[in-house]
Protein backbone atom coordinates (compact mmCIF):
# COMPACT_ATOMS: atom_id res chain seq x y z
CA MET A 1 -23.42 18.44 93.67
CA LYS A 2 -23.52 18.51 89.85
CA ILE A 3 -23.65 14.41 89.39
CA SER A 4 -22.47 13.44 85.29
CA LYS A 5 -24.58 11.98 83.04
CA THR A 6 -22.15 8.70 82.48
CA CYS A 7 -22.21 8.97 86.54
CA ILE A 8 -25.87 7.75 85.77
CA SER A 9 -26.23 6.14 82.44
CA THR A 10 -24.17 3.33 85.08
CA GLN A 11 -26.47 3.63 87.50
CA ASN A 12 -28.93 2.29 85.54
CA ARG A 13 -27.46 0.16 83.02
CA LYS A 14 -27.04 -1.59 86.96
CA ILE A 15 -30.07 -1.34 88.50
CA LYS A 16 -31.23 -3.10 84.99
CA ILE A 17 -28.62 -6.10 85.01
CA ILE A 18 -29.55 -6.54 88.63
CA MET A 19 -33.66 -6.92 87.59
CA LEU A 20 -33.31 -8.80 84.67
CA SER A 21 -30.84 -11.01 86.73
CA ILE A 22 -34.23 -11.10 89.29
CA VAL A 23 -36.92 -11.55 86.16
CA LEU A 24 -34.23 -14.78 84.98
CA GLY A 25 -33.83 -16.34 88.75
CA LEU A 26 -37.52 -16.11 89.25
CA MET A 27 -38.10 -17.52 85.69
CA ALA A 28 -35.70 -20.41 86.39
CA PHE A 29 -37.39 -21.94 89.53
CA SER A 30 -41.19 -21.22 88.32
CA VAL A 31 -40.65 -22.69 85.30
CA LYS A 32 -41.41 -27.31 85.00
CA ALA A 33 -40.53 -29.58 82.36
CA GLN A 34 -42.47 -30.31 80.33
CA PRO A 35 -43.68 -34.06 79.73
CA GLN A 36 -41.13 -36.06 76.58
CA GLU A 37 -43.87 -36.77 73.96
CA THR A 38 -42.49 -40.35 73.47
CA LEU A 39 -43.74 -44.09 72.37
CA SER A 40 -44.93 -46.55 74.26
CA SER A 41 -42.65 -48.66 72.72
CA GLN A 42 -39.36 -46.32 74.42
CA LEU A 43 -41.02 -46.57 77.78
CA LYS A 44 -38.58 -48.36 80.36
CA GLU A 45 -40.10 -48.15 83.82
CA CYS A 46 -42.68 -45.76 83.85
CA HIS A 47 -45.92 -45.41 86.42
CA TYR A 48 -48.99 -44.74 84.01
CA LEU A 49 -50.15 -42.10 85.81
CA ASP A 50 -53.99 -41.56 84.03
CA ASN A 51 -55.63 -40.64 80.44
CA VAL A 52 -55.30 -36.75 79.37
CA GLU A 53 -57.84 -35.01 77.41
CA ALA A 54 -57.57 -31.19 76.29
CA THR A 55 -58.97 -29.82 73.61
CA SER A 56 -58.11 -26.84 71.81
CA GLY A 57 -60.90 -24.79 72.43
CA TYR A 58 -63.42 -22.50 70.71
CA GLY A 59 -62.86 -20.96 67.85
CA LYS A 60 -61.79 -21.29 63.66
CA ASN A 61 -57.77 -22.93 64.91
CA PHE A 62 -56.64 -24.31 61.18
CA ASN A 63 -53.52 -25.96 63.71
CA TRP A 64 -56.39 -26.51 66.86
CA GLN A 65 -53.72 -30.37 67.74
CA SER A 66 -51.40 -27.89 68.28
CA LEU A 67 -53.14 -26.25 70.68
CA ALA A 68 -54.73 -29.86 71.98
CA LYS A 69 -51.28 -30.95 72.46
CA TYR A 70 -50.02 -28.46 74.37
CA SER A 71 -53.67 -27.93 76.68
CA ALA A 72 -52.86 -31.66 77.42
CA LEU A 73 -48.81 -31.57 78.11
CA VAL A 74 -50.63 -28.66 80.65
CA LYS A 75 -52.69 -31.48 82.39
CA ALA A 76 -50.09 -34.04 82.34
CA GLU A 77 -47.50 -32.25 83.89
CA ALA A 78 -49.90 -31.50 86.71
CA LEU A 79 -50.09 -34.71 87.63
CA GLY A 80 -46.44 -35.47 87.51
CA ALA A 81 -45.84 -36.85 84.64
CA SER A 82 -42.64 -36.98 82.64
CA HIS A 83 -43.82 -38.71 80.14
CA VAL A 84 -46.81 -39.00 77.17
CA VAL A 85 -47.79 -40.73 74.90
CA TRP A 86 -50.19 -40.19 72.34
CA VAL A 87 -53.43 -41.87 72.19
CA ARG A 88 -55.14 -40.30 69.17
CA PHE A 89 -56.83 -37.02 67.73
CA GLU A 90 -60.23 -35.85 67.34
CA THR A 91 -62.02 -33.80 65.17
CA VAL A 92 -64.50 -32.15 66.15
CA GLY A 93 -66.22 -29.38 63.69
CA ALA A 94 -64.34 -27.98 60.85
CA PHE A 95 -61.74 -26.55 63.14
CA ASN A 96 -61.24 -27.69 66.25
CA GLY A 97 -60.14 -31.25 68.52
CA ILE A 98 -59.54 -33.14 70.86
CA ALA A 99 -56.39 -34.77 72.12
CA ILE A 100 -55.99 -38.23 73.93
CA ALA A 101 -52.72 -39.04 75.77
CA LYS A 102 -51.46 -41.62 78.67
CA ALA A 103 -49.73 -39.44 81.34
CA TYR A 104 -47.03 -41.71 82.89
CA ASN A 105 -43.65 -40.32 85.60
CA CYS A 106 -41.18 -42.09 83.98
CA GLN A 107 -39.13 -41.06 87.27
CA SER A 108 -38.30 -43.17 90.30
């Protein structure tokens, strides 16, 4: 019995589509929405959770603010925050720093 190349190609394509669908489906269930950045004046019916503080890590990071913000958003997400209000950014040395925010849950 001889199997044609187009038959194998079609089967491979179907397997790839199924695998891609499974991966995308799993990602949809495992990814949480990060808290939204907002101003305190825009908060309505929100519950204050806690202060969140995160560093940019160690190293020469010219864009340390983005690294520190991301780390703080991950911590706020772990608390169940839907929103964060940035309090301040503190420089530590020339290339590192700390992001400080207040975490809120604005979902009833």
